[in-house]
PDB file of N, CA and C in Angstrom:
ATOM      1  N   MET A   1       0.824  -1.141   0.221  1.00  0.00           N
ATOM      2  CA  MET A   1       0.279   0.104   0.123  1.00  0.00           C
ATOM      3  C   MET A   1       0.886   1.465   0.104  1.00  0.00           C
ATOM      4  N   LYS A   2       1.946   1.052   0.684  1.00  0.00           N
ATOM      5  CA  LYS A   2       2.818   2.597   0.771  1.00  0.00           C
ATOM      6  C   LYS A   2       3.493   2.453  -0.490  1.00  0.00           C
ATOM      7  N   ARG A   3       3.801   1.457  -1.048  1.00  0.00           N
ATOM      8  CA  ARG A   3       4.555   1.637  -2.132  1.00  0.00           C
ATOM      9  C   ARG A   3       3.900   1.899  -3.402  1.00  0.00           C
ATOM     10  N   LEU A   4       2.563   1.910  -3.282  1.00  0.00           N
ATOM     11  CA  LEU A   4       1.585   2.255  -4.375  1.00  0.00           C
ATOM     12  C   LEU A   4       1.288   3.858  -4.159  1.00  0.00           C
ATOM     13  N   ALA A   5       1.283   4.057  -2.639  1.00  0.00           N
ATOM     14  CA  ALA A   5       1.194   5.694  -2.412  1.00  0.00           C
ATOM     15  C   ALA A   5       2.282   6.477  -3.032  1.00  0.00           C
ATOM     16  N   LEU A   6       3.449   5.877  -2.493  1.00  0.00           N
ATOM     17  CA  LEU A   6       4.741   6.475  -3.075  1.00  0.00           C
ATOM     18  C   LEU A   6       4.719   6.681  -4.847  1.00  0.00           C
ATOM     19  N   ALA A   7       4.389   5.386  -5.518  1.00  0.00           N
ATOM     20  CA  ALA A   7       4.288   5.464  -6.697  1.00  0.00           C
ATOM     21  C   ALA A   7       2.967   6.565  -7.392  1.00  0.00           C
ATOM     22  N   ILE A   8       2.319   6.934  -6.725  1.00  0.00           N
ATOM     23  CA  ILE A   8       1.333   7.653  -7.024  1.00  0.00           C
ATOM     24  C   ILE A   8       1.970   9.221  -7.087  1.00  0.00           C
ATOM     25  N   LEU A   9       2.255   9.442  -5.672  1.00  0.00           N
ATOM     26  CA  LEU A   9       2.887  10.527  -5.474  1.00  0.00           C
ATOM     27  C   LEU A   9       4.134  11.106  -6.339  1.00  0.00           C
ATOM     28  N   LEU A  10       4.885  10.252  -6.678  1.00  0.00           N
ATOM     29  CA  LEU A  10       5.921  10.563  -7.983  1.00  0.00           C
ATOM     30  C   LEU A  10       5.555  10.827  -9.022  1.00  0.00           C
ATOM     31  N   VAL A  11       4.589   9.856  -9.569  1.00  0.00           N
ATOM     32  CA  VAL A  11       3.959  10.028 -10.816  1.00  0.00           C
ATOM     33  C   VAL A  11       3.184  11.933 -10.861  1.00  0.00           C
ATOM     34  N   THR A  12       2.350  11.947  -9.667  1.00  0.00           N
ATOM     35  CA  THR A  12       2.092  13.143  -9.469  1.00  0.00           C
ATOM     36  C   THR A  12       3.040  14.531  -9.639  1.00  0.00           C
ATOM     37  N   VAL A  13       3.891  14.462  -8.979  1.00  0.00           N
ATOM     38  CA  VAL A  13       5.026  15.529  -8.899  1.00  0.00           C
ATOM     39  C   VAL A  13       5.780  15.784 -10.370  1.00  0.00           C
ATOM     40  N   VAL A  14       6.046  14.444 -11.099  1.00  0.00           N
ATOM     41  CA  VAL A  14       6.508  14.696 -12.102  1.00  0.00           C
ATOM     42  C   VAL A  14       5.621  15.098 -13.188  1.00  0.00           C
ATOM     43  N   ALA A  15       4.411  14.870 -13.014  1.00  0.00           N
ATOM     44  CA  ALA A  15       3.270  15.588 -14.102  1.00  0.00           C
ATOM     45  C   ALA A  15       3.117  17.048 -13.859  1.00  0.00           C
ATOM     46  N   ALA A  16       3.086  17.330 -12.698  1.00  0.00           N
ATOM     47  CA  ALA A  16       3.026  18.824 -12.093  1.00  0.00           C
ATOM     48  C   ALA A  16       4.333  19.558 -12.639  1.00  0.00           C
ATOM     49  N   ALA A  17       5.420  18.847 -12.382  1.00  0.00           N
ATOM     50  CA  ALA A  17       6.866  19.836 -12.766  1.00  0.00           C
ATOM     51  C   ALA A  17       6.875  19.738 -14.033  1.00  0.00           C
ATOM     52  N   SER A  18       6.234  18.938 -15.031  1.00  0.00           N
ATOM     53  CA  SER A  18       6.262  18.977 -16.598  1.00  0.00           C
ATOM     54  C   SER A  18       5.387  20.066 -17.044  1.00  0.00           C
ATOM     55  N   VAL A  19       4.151  20.363 -16.630  1.00  0.00           N
ATOM     56  CA  VAL A  19       3.336  21.092 -16.837  1.00  0.00           C
ATOM     57  C   VAL A  19       3.974  22.539 -16.275  1.00  0.00           C
ATOM     58  N   PHE A  20       4.553  22.454 -15.120  1.00  0.00           N
ATOM     59  CA  PHE A  20       4.811  23.996 -14.683  1.00  0.00           C
ATOM     60  C   PHE A  20       6.118  24.372 -15.480  1.00  0.00           C
ATOM     61  N   LEU A  21       7.028  23.321 -16.026  1.00  0.00           N
ATOM     62  CA  LEU A  21       8.062  23.840 -17.062  1.00  0.00           C
ATOM     63  C   LEU A  21       7.551  24.381 -18.188  1.00  0.00           C
ATOM     64  N   ALA A  22       6.493  23.360 -18.578  1.00  0.00           N
ATOM     65  CA  ALA A  22       5.898  23.798 -20.055  1.00  0.00           C
ATOM     66  C   ALA A  22       5.232  25.130 -19.850  1.00  0.00           C
ATOM     67  N   LEU A  23       4.560  25.461 -18.931  1.00  0.00           N
ATOM     68  CA  LEU A  23       3.841  26.803 -18.939  1.00  0.00           C
ATOM     69  C   LEU A  23       4.551  27.813 -18.818  1.00  0.00           C
ATOM     70  N   ASN A  24       5.991  27.737 -17.924  1.00  0.00           N
ATOM     71  CA  ASN A  24       6.908  29.028 -17.648  1.00  0.00           C
ATOM     72  C   ASN A  24       8.228  28.987 -18.502  1.00  0.00           C
ATOM     73  N   ARG A  25       8.027  28.159 -19.601  1.00  0.00           N
ATOM     74  CA  ARG A  25       9.268  28.326 -20.534  1.00  0.00           C
ATOM     75  C   ARG A  25       9.076  29.612 -21.473  1.00  0.00           C
ATOM     76  N   PRO A  26      10.237  30.117 -21.403  1.00  0.00           N
ATOM     77  CA  PRO A  26      10.388  31.516 -22.050  1.00  0.00           C
ATOM     78  C   PRO A  26      10.111  31.184 -23.648  1.00  0.00           C
ATOM     79  N   GLY A  27       9.112  32.170 -24.117  1.00  0.00           N
ATOM     80  CA  GLY A  27       8.861  31.711 -25.447  1.00  0.00           C
ATOM     81  C   GLY A  27       7.915  30.514 -25.904  1.00  0.00           C
ATOM     82  N   ALA A  28       7.320  30.410 -24.798  1.00  0.00           N
ATOM     83  CA  ALA A  28       6.499  29.283 -25.136  1.00  0.00           C
ATOM     84  C   ALA A  28       5.146  29.827 -25.665  1.00  0.00           C
ATOM     85  N   GLU A  29       4.405  28.834 -25.972  1.00  0.00           N
ATOM     86  CA  GLU A  29       2.910  29.135 -26.713  1.00  0.00           C
ATOM     87  C   GLU A  29       1.845  29.786 -26.078  1.00  0.00           C
ATOM     88  N   ALA A  30       1.726  31.012 -26.368  1.00  0.00           N
ATOM     89  CA  ALA A  30       0.678  31.235 -25.123  1.00  0.00           C
ATOM     90  C   ALA A  30      -0.782  30.898 -25.274  1.00  0.00           C
TER      91      ALA A  30
END
């Protein structure tokens, strides 16, 4: 159970980081 929660947390963090970088990239499509 704890391993599953950790995996979900990791995926969420990676996805959030990807979206954050994509939205804040200089010259990104507005």
